[in-house]
Amino acid sequence: MLGDPTLGTVVTLYDTVYNTNMLKISPLHDTTICAGDPYFIKLKAKFSGGTPPYSVFWLDMQLNSIISTTDSVSVLPTSSTSYVFVVNDSSSCSQSAVSHIMVNPLPIHNAAVFATVCLGSNYIFDAGNNNGNLKNYLWNTGDTTRTVTRNSQSASTVKITDTLGCSTTNSFYLNISALPTIHAGNDTTICKGKSIFLYASGGVFYQWYALPNSTIIGNNSFLNVYPDSSTTYRILGIDTLKGLNCSQSDTVNVFVNPKPSLPSISGPSALHVNEPGIYTVANHSNSAYNWSIDNGSISSGQGSYSVNALFGTAGTEKISVTETNLNCISDTSIKNVTVNVVGGIENNNPFDQFNMYPNPTTGLLNIEFETSEKNIAIEVFDVIGKSVLKNNVQHTTGMFRQTINMASLVHGIYFVKVSAGEKNTTVKVAVR
């Protein structure tokens, strides 16, 4: 302290003393990490100078608390934080340094998906775009696109990385639901003009189509159809499996055969009782014919296009026929026939007192006439002229009487010829 007595003042002088061994601390590095990184970050401070002993500590600025009293510390922040290192020496000198750790958020992906699709269908998994901040995608299949298409039961993972280098991984799972087993029934054949019910099974809901049209013609498991021609019907069956409406289809063929045309019957319009008549219709391959008559019988040819028919009573009778082809039956064709009583002895009979009875006969036929001839020949012919019975009889004189047995003959019309010398007559006889 200095003073000037003359002036009456006091001057105080100060001096600065520099400590050449001043306490120093090295700067700390800032660090950037990604949220969720599993590795601790080690912070270590370096200092020099000053007067030992020293006291040190690390301060977590976010927590505002001391987390270490050594020159190093390992930290794993979940958000951006500053860490301060403080060193004090024995002369009350103090230094500090700050390390900033920036925690970048992970990229945001679309939520994990547990999807189910029907067998044969595709599903598109979308990893998202992190609000536009994405650098790349990497799927476990090697795909590097934002979306991938899957159609098999599997798990898919994708790693997405943003422009800050932070990555996150997500998983997507795809389940496959089996399709229902749909059966439309067996192929079938019908005749034109007929209907048929189709029945489907295996689904809960149904849709019928008549191909090639795409219009739905029915929504039940059954369908009554009236096709004019052979048609393929498609049934789409839908079943709810694992929360999905899975569908499968099947087809059934309905073959339509044409109905035969109405047969046209040819044959005599007038006959005698039990006189055979031949009736025919057009002969078609693979066709069968069913004949019937009123008050008579079909003596031969049933099932064919030509038959021999016998009418048992006089009057206006009917003969009818239907044609069956490929299981389809025609309408019934009918022909009216006038049936007369069986004729007896011919008008030009040359014999006196000629009689042949009973006619019709069930077997025994009596023949009587007056003749002087000694050799009498009796012969029986069927309707086609074949001799089926023959008898030569010796006669003396006067009334000739003879009985012939026709019981062994098939029922029908026969012609009995009687000859005596140069005279002969033929009589139509019915055998019942």
Protein backbone atom coordinates (compact mmCIF):
# COMPACT_ATOMS: atom_id res chain seq x y z
CA MET A 1 0.00 0.00 0.00
CA LEU A 2 1.41 3.36 -1.02
CA GLY A 3 0.47 6.92 0.04
CA ASP A 4 1.37 10.49 -0.65
CA PRO A 5 1.40 12.45 2.58
CA THR A 6 1.08 15.67 0.75
CA LEU A 7 -1.96 14.63 -0.96
CA GLY A 8 -3.47 12.87 1.91
CA THR A 9 -4.35 9.75 -0.20
CA VAL A 10 -3.69 5.99 0.05
CA VAL A 11 -3.07 3.80 -3.08
CA THR A 12 -3.58 0.00 -2.99
CA LEU A 13 -1.75 -2.11 -5.68
CA TYR A 14 -2.84 -5.60 -6.82
CA ASP A 15 -0.82 -8.13 -8.77
CA THR A 16 -1.87 -11.25 -10.68
CA VAL A 17 -0.02 -14.47 -10.02
CA TYR A 18 -0.26 -17.17 -12.79
CA ASN A 19 -0.21 -20.82 -11.78
CA THR A 20 1.81 -22.57 -14.42
CA ASN A 21 0.42 -25.94 -13.23
CA MET A 22 -3.22 -25.03 -13.89
CA LEU A 23 -5.84 -27.78 -13.87
CA LYS A 24 -6.85 -28.77 -17.46
CA ILE A 25 -9.45 -31.22 -18.90
CA SER A 26 -9.57 -32.63 -22.42
CA PRO A 27 -12.72 -32.04 -24.46
CA LEU A 28 -15.21 -34.94 -24.57
CA HIS A 29 -16.63 -36.33 -27.79
CA ASP A 30 -20.30 -36.21 -28.72
CA THR A 31 -21.90 -39.49 -29.82
CA THR A 32 -24.96 -40.45 -31.85
CA ILE A 33 -26.68 -43.82 -31.34
CA CYS A 34 -29.94 -45.47 -32.34
CA ALA A 35 -32.66 -46.10 -29.81
CA GLY A 36 -32.61 -49.63 -28.62
CA ASP A 37 -28.92 -50.19 -29.28
CA PRO A 38 -27.91 -52.94 -26.85
CA TYR A 39 -24.33 -51.82 -26.24
CA PHE A 40 -23.17 -49.51 -23.45
CA ILE A 41 -21.21 -46.39 -24.33
CA LYS A 42 -18.08 -45.88 -22.27
CA LEU A 43 -17.22 -42.27 -21.45
CA LYS A 44 -13.71 -41.56 -20.14
CA ALA A 45 -12.36 -38.15 -19.17
CA LYS A 46 -8.73 -37.02 -19.28
CA PHE A 47 -7.36 -34.15 -17.16
CA SER A 48 -4.00 -32.81 -16.09
CA GLY A 49 -2.39 -30.12 -13.94
CA GLY A 50 -3.76 -28.81 -10.79
CA THR A 51 -2.86 -29.85 -7.29
CA PRO A 52 -3.70 -33.33 -6.21
CA PRO A 53 -5.51 -34.97 -4.68
CA TYR A 54 -8.49 -34.73 -7.03
CA SER A 55 -12.16 -35.40 -6.70
CA VAL A 56 -14.17 -36.30 -9.82
CA PHE A 57 -17.74 -37.26 -10.76
CA TRP A 58 -20.05 -37.74 -13.73
CA LEU A 59 -23.38 -35.98 -13.78
CA ASP A 60 -26.40 -37.19 -15.82
CA MET A 61 -28.06 -33.94 -16.84
CA GLN A 62 -31.34 -35.61 -17.64
CA LEU A 63 -31.54 -37.24 -14.26
CA ASN A 64 -29.65 -34.40 -12.58
CA SER A 65 -27.79 -36.92 -10.51
CA ILE A 66 -24.24 -38.17 -10.09
CA ILE A 67 -23.79 -41.54 -11.77
CA SER A 68 -20.08 -42.13 -11.21
CA THR A 69 -17.18 -40.83 -9.05
CA THR A 70 -14.43 -42.14 -11.32
CA ASP A 71 -12.99 -40.75 -14.49
CA SER A 72 -15.06 -43.21 -16.63
CA VAL A 73 -18.62 -44.33 -16.83
CA SER A 74 -20.70 -46.71 -19.06
CA VAL A 75 -24.09 -45.43 -20.10
CA LEU A 76 -27.02 -46.69 -22.20
CA PRO A 77 -29.41 -43.75 -22.64
CA THR A 78 -32.88 -44.28 -24.06
CA SER A 79 -33.20 -40.67 -25.17
CA SER A 80 -30.82 -37.85 -25.99
CA THR A 81 -28.82 -36.88 -22.90
CA SER A 82 -25.79 -34.78 -21.81
CA TYR A 83 -23.20 -36.12 -19.41
CA VAL A 84 -20.93 -33.67 -17.51
CA PHE A 85 -17.53 -34.62 -16.10
CA VAL A 86 -16.30 -32.47 -13.19
CA VAL A 87 -12.81 -32.52 -11.62
CA ASN A 88 -11.72 -30.54 -8.51
CA ASP A 89 -8.15 -30.33 -7.15
CA SER A 90 -6.97 -29.60 -3.63
CA SER A 91 -6.51 -25.90 -4.35
CA SER A 92 -10.20 -25.59 -5.08
CA CYS A 93 -9.66 -25.34 -8.80
CA SER A 94 -12.41 -26.97 -10.84
CA GLN A 95 -12.88 -27.95 -14.50
CA SER A 96 -15.73 -29.65 -16.39
CA ALA A 97 -16.51 -31.06 -19.84
CA VAL A 98 -19.72 -32.16 -21.50
CA SER A 99 -20.46 -35.19 -23.73
CA HIS A 100 -23.69 -35.03 -25.69
CA ILE A 101 -25.21 -38.37 -26.67
CA MET A 102 -27.87 -38.04 -29.34
CA VAL A 103 -30.37 -40.97 -29.41
CA ASN A 104 -32.06 -41.21 -32.81
CA PRO A 105 -35.45 -42.98 -32.89
CA LEU A 106 -35.80 -46.25 -34.73
CA PRO A 107 -37.67 -46.19 -38.04
CA ILE A 108 -41.36 -46.89 -37.68
CA HIS A 109 -42.62 -49.92 -39.58
CA ASN A 110 -46.14 -51.11 -40.15
CA ALA A 111 -47.54 -53.23 -37.36
CA ALA A 112 -46.89 -56.94 -37.43
CA VAL A 113 -49.53 -58.76 -39.44
CA PHE A 114 -51.03 -62.17 -38.80
CA ALA A 115 -52.91 -62.78 -42.03
CA THR A 116 -54.91 -65.69 -43.38
CA VAL A 117 -55.79 -66.29 -47.02
CA CYS A 118 -57.50 -69.05 -48.94
CA LEU A 119 -55.34 -71.59 -50.68
CA GLY A 120 -54.23 -70.20 -54.01
CA SER A 121 -54.72 -66.55 -53.01
CA ASN A 122 -52.00 -63.93 -52.52
CA TYR A 123 -51.39 -61.56 -49.64
CA ILE A 124 -49.27 -58.38 -49.86
CA PHE A 125 -47.18 -57.49 -46.81
CA ASP A 126 -46.30 -53.78 -46.54
CA ALA A 127 -43.33 -52.77 -44.38
CA GLY A 128 -44.31 -49.06 -44.40
CA ASN A 129 -42.18 -46.02 -45.35
CA ASN A 130 -41.36 -44.38 -41.97
CA ASN A 131 -42.98 -41.14 -43.09
CA GLY A 132 -40.72 -41.06 -46.12
CA ASN A 133 -37.44 -41.41 -44.19
CA LEU A 134 -36.15 -44.78 -45.30
CA LYS A 135 -32.93 -45.83 -46.93
CA ASN A 136 -33.57 -49.49 -47.72
CA TYR A 137 -35.54 -52.67 -47.05
CA LEU A 138 -34.19 -56.18 -46.68
CA TRP A 139 -36.54 -59.17 -46.41
CA ASN A 140 -35.45 -62.61 -45.28
CA THR A 141 -36.05 -63.78 -48.85
CA GLY A 142 -33.60 -61.24 -50.23
CA ASP A 143 -36.29 -58.90 -51.53
CA THR A 144 -35.42 -55.21 -51.23
CA THR A 145 -38.84 -53.74 -51.97
CA ARG A 146 -41.30 -52.13 -49.62
CA THR A 147 -43.95 -54.79 -50.28
CA VAL A 148 -43.74 -58.51 -50.94
CA THR A 149 -46.40 -60.94 -52.13
CA ARG A 150 -46.81 -64.27 -50.39
CA ASN A 151 -49.11 -67.25 -51.06
CA SER A 152 -47.63 -69.98 -48.87
CA GLN A 153 -47.82 -70.53 -45.14
CA SER A 154 -44.67 -68.94 -43.69
CA ALA A 155 -43.16 -66.17 -41.59
CA SER A 156 -41.54 -63.22 -43.33
CA THR A 157 -39.17 -60.75 -41.69
CA VAL A 158 -38.01 -57.40 -42.97
CA LYS A 159 -35.24 -55.08 -41.81
CA ILE A 160 -35.83 -51.41 -42.55
CA THR A 161 -33.05 -48.83 -42.30
CA ASP A 162 -33.54 -45.07 -42.29
CA THR A 163 -31.24 -42.33 -43.57
CA LEU A 164 -29.74 -41.95 -40.07
CA GLY A 165 -28.57 -45.56 -40.20
CA CYS A 166 -31.04 -46.82 -37.62
CA SER A 167 -32.67 -50.17 -38.32
CA THR A 168 -35.53 -52.19 -36.99
CA THR A 169 -36.92 -55.62 -37.87
CA ASN A 170 -40.53 -56.75 -38.10
CA SER A 171 -42.22 -60.09 -38.76
CA PHE A 172 -45.28 -60.96 -40.80
CA TYR A 173 -47.09 -64.30 -40.61
CA LEU A 174 -49.30 -65.87 -43.28
CA ASN A 175 -51.69 -68.76 -42.65
CA ILE A 176 -53.26 -70.72 -45.50
CA SER A 177 -56.86 -71.88 -45.24
CA ALA A 178 -57.80 -75.01 -47.18
CA LEU A 179 -60.51 -74.75 -49.81
CA PRO A 180 -63.82 -76.56 -49.34
CA THR A 181 -64.38 -79.76 -51.29
CA ILE A 182 -67.30 -78.98 -53.56
CA HIS A 183 -69.11 -81.70 -55.51
CA ALA A 184 -71.71 -80.85 -58.14
CA GLY A 185 -72.91 -84.43 -58.55
CA ASN A 186 -72.41 -86.94 -61.32
CA ASP A 187 -72.96 -86.31 -65.00
CA THR A 188 -76.42 -87.36 -66.11
CA THR A 189 -78.52 -87.79 -69.22
CA ILE A 190 -82.13 -86.70 -69.71
CA CYS A 191 -84.57 -86.58 -72.58
CA LYS A 192 -85.44 -83.29 -74.20
CA GLY A 193 -88.47 -81.74 -72.59
CA LYS A 194 -87.67 -83.23 -69.18
CA SER A 195 -86.28 -81.52 -66.09
CA ILE A 196 -83.76 -82.71 -63.53
CA PHE A 197 -82.65 -81.63 -60.07
CA LEU A 198 -78.94 -81.01 -59.55
CA TYR A 199 -77.55 -81.30 -56.01
CA ALA A 200 -74.25 -79.85 -54.71
CA SER A 201 -72.42 -80.54 -51.46
CA GLY A 202 -69.41 -79.34 -49.48
CA GLY A 203 -70.24 -75.66 -49.03
CA VAL A 204 -72.37 -73.33 -46.96
CA PHE A 205 -73.33 -70.91 -49.73
CA TYR A 206 -73.70 -71.71 -53.41
CA GLN A 207 -73.89 -70.03 -56.79
CA TRP A 208 -74.98 -71.90 -59.93
CA TYR A 209 -74.02 -70.95 -63.48
CA ALA A 210 -74.94 -72.41 -66.88
CA LEU A 211 -71.71 -72.22 -68.84
CA PRO A 212 -70.53 -70.30 -70.74
CA ASN A 213 -72.79 -67.63 -69.20
CA SER A 214 -71.64 -65.84 -66.06
CA THR A 215 -75.10 -65.01 -64.74
CA ILE A 216 -76.06 -66.62 -61.43
CA ILE A 217 -79.07 -68.89 -61.95
CA GLY A 218 -79.40 -70.31 -58.42
CA ASN A 219 -78.26 -69.79 -54.83
CA ASN A 220 -79.22 -73.09 -53.19
CA SER A 221 -77.49 -76.43 -52.93
CA PHE A 222 -80.07 -77.78 -55.41
CA LEU A 223 -81.16 -76.55 -58.81
CA ASN A 224 -84.00 -77.70 -61.08
CA VAL A 225 -82.99 -77.30 -64.73
CA TYR A 226 -84.80 -77.68 -68.07
CA PRO A 227 -82.01 -77.69 -70.67
CA ASP A 228 -82.99 -77.77 -74.36
CA SER A 229 -79.55 -79.11 -75.25
CA SER A 230 -76.58 -80.64 -73.48
CA THR A 231 -75.29 -78.12 -70.92
CA THR A 232 -72.43 -77.87 -68.43
CA TYR A 233 -73.41 -76.39 -65.07
CA ARG A 234 -70.85 -74.85 -62.70
CA ILE A 235 -71.37 -74.68 -58.95
CA LEU A 236 -69.34 -72.26 -56.85
CA GLY A 237 -69.37 -73.42 -53.25
CA ILE A 238 -68.36 -71.06 -50.45
CA ASP A 239 -67.41 -72.11 -46.92
CA THR A 240 -66.38 -69.96 -43.96
CA LEU A 241 -63.01 -71.28 -42.76
CA LYS A 242 -60.82 -69.44 -40.24
CA GLY A 243 -62.95 -66.34 -40.69
CA LEU A 244 -62.60 -66.39 -44.48
CA ASN A 245 -65.06 -67.12 -47.24
CA CYS A 246 -63.05 -69.65 -49.23
CA SER A 247 -64.56 -70.99 -52.40
CA GLN A 248 -64.10 -73.88 -54.80
CA SER A 249 -66.04 -74.90 -57.88
CA ASP A 250 -67.09 -78.05 -59.69
CA THR A 251 -68.99 -78.79 -62.87
CA VAL A 252 -71.62 -81.31 -63.89
CA ASN A 253 -72.73 -82.19 -67.41
CA VAL A 254 -76.37 -82.71 -68.28
CA PHE A 255 -76.61 -84.46 -71.63
CA VAL A 256 -79.90 -84.00 -73.46
CA ASN A 257 -81.01 -86.75 -75.84
CA PRO A 258 -83.65 -85.94 -78.44
CA LYS A 259 -87.14 -87.39 -78.14
CA PRO A 260 -87.92 -89.78 -81.02
CA SER A 261 -90.44 -88.53 -83.54
CA LEU A 262 -93.95 -89.94 -83.51
CA PRO A 263 -93.79 -93.31 -85.32
CA SER A 264 -96.05 -93.83 -88.34
CA ILE A 265 -97.71 -97.27 -88.35
CA SER A 266 -98.12 -99.06 -91.65
CA GLY A 267 -100.33 -102.16 -92.00
CA PRO A 268 -103.84 -103.36 -92.81
CA SER A 269 -106.72 -101.23 -91.71
CA ALA A 270 -109.16 -104.17 -91.76
CA LEU A 271 -108.74 -107.78 -90.60
CA HIS A 272 -110.80 -110.73 -89.51
CA VAL A 273 -110.82 -111.93 -85.93
CA ASN A 274 -107.53 -113.79 -85.22
CA GLU A 275 -106.30 -113.08 -88.72
CA PRO A 276 -102.63 -112.13 -88.48
CA GLY A 277 -101.70 -108.68 -89.64
CA ILE A 278 -98.18 -107.33 -90.15
CA TYR A 279 -97.62 -103.81 -88.85
CA THR A 280 -94.40 -101.83 -89.22
CA VAL A 281 -92.81 -98.47 -88.45
CA ALA A 282 -89.56 -96.91 -89.66
CA ASN A 283 -86.58 -98.90 -88.39
CA HIS A 284 -84.02 -96.77 -86.53
CA SER A 285 -80.75 -98.10 -85.20
CA ASN A 286 -80.53 -98.45 -81.39
CA SER A 287 -84.32 -98.10 -81.13
CA ALA A 288 -86.70 -100.46 -79.38
CA TYR A 289 -90.42 -100.56 -80.06
CA ASN A 290 -93.18 -101.36 -77.61
CA TRP A 291 -96.40 -102.55 -79.30
CA SER A 292 -99.82 -103.09 -77.78
CA ILE A 293 -103.30 -103.81 -79.11
CA ASP A 294 -106.81 -103.79 -77.73
CA ASN A 295 -108.45 -107.21 -77.30
CA GLY A 296 -105.68 -109.19 -78.92
CA SER A 297 -102.03 -110.04 -78.79
CA ILE A 298 -98.69 -109.50 -80.49
CA SER A 299 -97.88 -112.95 -81.78
CA SER A 300 -94.29 -112.12 -82.79
CA GLY A 301 -91.83 -109.26 -83.22
CA GLN A 302 -92.41 -107.41 -79.93
CA GLY A 303 -89.55 -104.93 -79.45
CA SER A 304 -88.80 -104.67 -83.16
CA TYR A 305 -90.05 -102.32 -85.84
CA SER A 306 -92.32 -105.06 -87.34
CA VAL A 307 -94.85 -107.29 -85.56
CA ASN A 308 -97.56 -109.84 -86.27
CA ALA A 309 -100.76 -108.82 -84.50
CA LEU A 310 -103.95 -110.80 -83.82
CA PHE A 311 -107.24 -109.16 -82.84
CA GLY A 312 -109.49 -111.41 -80.76
CA THR A 313 -112.79 -109.56 -81.07
CA ALA A 314 -114.70 -107.85 -83.84
CA GLY A 315 -115.13 -104.12 -83.91
CA THR A 316 -112.94 -101.06 -84.22
CA GLU A 317 -109.74 -101.90 -82.41
CA LYS A 318 -106.45 -100.09 -81.94
CA ILE A 319 -102.82 -101.03 -82.35
CA SER A 320 -100.28 -98.66 -80.78
CA VAL A 321 -96.51 -98.33 -80.55
CA THR A 322 -93.88 -96.16 -78.84
CA GLU A 323 -90.25 -95.89 -79.88
CA THR A 324 -87.44 -95.80 -77.31
CA ASN A 325 -84.04 -94.46 -78.34
CA LEU A 326 -81.24 -93.56 -75.90
CA ASN A 327 -83.75 -94.01 -73.06
CA CYS A 328 -86.06 -91.41 -74.56
CA ILE A 329 -89.61 -92.48 -75.41
CA SER A 330 -91.68 -91.06 -78.24
CA ASP A 331 -95.32 -90.15 -77.98
CA THR A 332 -97.71 -93.06 -78.60
CA SER A 333 -98.71 -93.68 -82.19
CA ILE A 334 -102.17 -95.28 -82.69
CA LYS A 335 -103.76 -96.95 -85.73
CA ASN A 336 -107.44 -97.92 -85.86
CA VAL A 337 -108.21 -101.35 -87.31
CA THR A 338 -111.66 -102.65 -88.34
CA VAL A 339 -111.91 -106.28 -87.16
CA ASN A 340 -114.54 -108.52 -88.76
CA VAL A 341 -115.82 -111.97 -87.76
CA VAL A 342 -113.65 -114.75 -89.14
CA GLY A 343 -114.96 -115.89 -92.50
CA GLY A 344 -116.36 -119.46 -92.88
CA ILE A 345 -116.66 -121.55 -95.96
CA GLU A 346 -115.75 -119.83 -99.20
CA ASN A 347 -118.66 -118.88 -101.41
CA ASN A 348 -117.31 -120.88 -104.32
CA ASN A 349 -117.01 -124.09 -102.35
CA PRO A 350 -117.53 -126.98 -104.88
CA PHE A 351 -118.60 -129.58 -102.31
CA ASP A 352 -122.15 -130.39 -101.33
CA GLN A 353 -123.16 -130.06 -97.71
CA PHE A 354 -119.68 -128.84 -96.78
CA ASN A 355 -119.14 -127.93 -93.15
CA MET A 356 -116.02 -127.23 -91.05
CA TYR A 357 -116.47 -126.64 -87.35
CA PRO A 358 -115.93 -125.34 -84.71
CA ASN A 359 -114.28 -122.22 -86.05
CA PRO A 360 -112.51 -120.81 -84.09
CA THR A 361 -111.31 -124.11 -82.60
CA THR A 362 -109.29 -124.96 -79.54
CA GLY A 363 -107.84 -128.05 -81.18
CA LEU A 364 -110.25 -130.54 -82.81
CA LEU A 365 -111.66 -129.49 -86.17
CA ASN A 366 -114.49 -131.44 -87.84
CA ILE A 367 -114.80 -131.62 -91.64
CA GLU A 368 -117.93 -132.87 -93.42
CA PHE A 369 -119.05 -132.91 -97.06
CA GLU A 370 -120.72 -135.14 -99.65
CA THR A 371 -118.37 -136.75 -102.18
CA SER A 372 -117.90 -139.91 -104.20
CA GLU A 373 -114.16 -139.51 -104.39
CA LYS A 374 -112.17 -142.17 -102.61
CA ASN A 375 -108.89 -140.24 -101.93
CA ILE A 376 -109.33 -137.18 -99.73
CA ALA A 377 -106.36 -134.89 -98.93
CA ILE A 378 -106.44 -132.45 -96.02
CA GLU A 379 -103.52 -129.93 -95.57
CA VAL A 380 -103.10 -127.04 -93.16
CA PHE A 381 -101.00 -123.93 -93.99
CA ASP A 382 -99.89 -121.07 -91.78
CA VAL A 383 -100.22 -117.42 -92.79
CA ILE A 384 -96.96 -117.44 -94.74
CA GLY A 385 -97.98 -120.51 -96.75
CA LYS A 386 -95.95 -123.11 -94.92
CA SER A 387 -97.55 -126.56 -94.63
CA VAL A 388 -97.86 -127.40 -90.94
CA LEU A 389 -100.20 -130.42 -91.02
CA LYS A 390 -101.06 -132.94 -93.73
CA ASN A 391 -103.44 -135.90 -93.79
CA ASN A 392 -104.55 -138.29 -96.61
CA VAL A 393 -107.78 -140.17 -95.93
CA GLN A 394 -109.43 -143.06 -97.82
CA HIS A 395 -113.17 -142.74 -98.36
CA THR A 396 -115.75 -145.20 -99.63
CA THR A 397 -118.83 -143.27 -100.65
CA GLY A 398 -121.50 -140.93 -99.30
CA MET A 399 -120.87 -138.31 -96.54
CA PHE A 400 -117.22 -137.79 -95.71
CA ARG A 401 -116.47 -137.09 -92.04
CA GLN A 402 -113.02 -136.47 -90.60
CA THR A 403 -111.65 -134.84 -87.44
CA ILE A 404 -108.15 -133.35 -87.39
CA ASN A 405 -106.26 -132.33 -84.26
CA MET A 406 -104.76 -128.84 -84.46
CA ALA A 407 -104.02 -128.52 -80.71
CA SER A 408 -100.26 -128.69 -81.31
CA LEU A 409 -100.32 -125.58 -83.47
CA VAL A 410 -99.50 -122.10 -82.19
CA HIS A 411 -102.59 -119.97 -81.74
CA GLY A 412 -103.35 -117.95 -84.78
CA ILE A 413 -104.87 -118.05 -88.25
CA TYR A 414 -104.46 -121.09 -90.52
CA PHE A 415 -105.79 -122.12 -93.88
CA VAL A 416 -107.26 -125.63 -94.20
CA LYS A 417 -107.29 -126.97 -97.77
CA VAL A 418 -109.53 -129.94 -98.61
CA SER A 419 -109.00 -131.75 -101.94
CA ALA A 420 -111.14 -134.53 -103.45
CA GLY A 421 -110.34 -135.42 -107.03
CA GLU A 422 -110.33 -132.25 -109.04
CA LYS A 423 -112.32 -130.35 -106.46
CA ASN A 424 -110.77 -128.37 -103.59
CA THR A 425 -111.64 -125.61 -101.21
CA THR A 426 -109.70 -123.62 -98.60
CA VAL A 427 -111.17 -122.39 -95.36
CA LYS A 428 -109.62 -119.88 -92.95
CA VAL A 429 -109.59 -121.30 -89.42
CA ALA A 430 -108.63 -119.64 -86.16
CA VAL A 431 -106.89 -121.73 -83.50
CA ARG A 432 -107.16 -120.50 -79.96
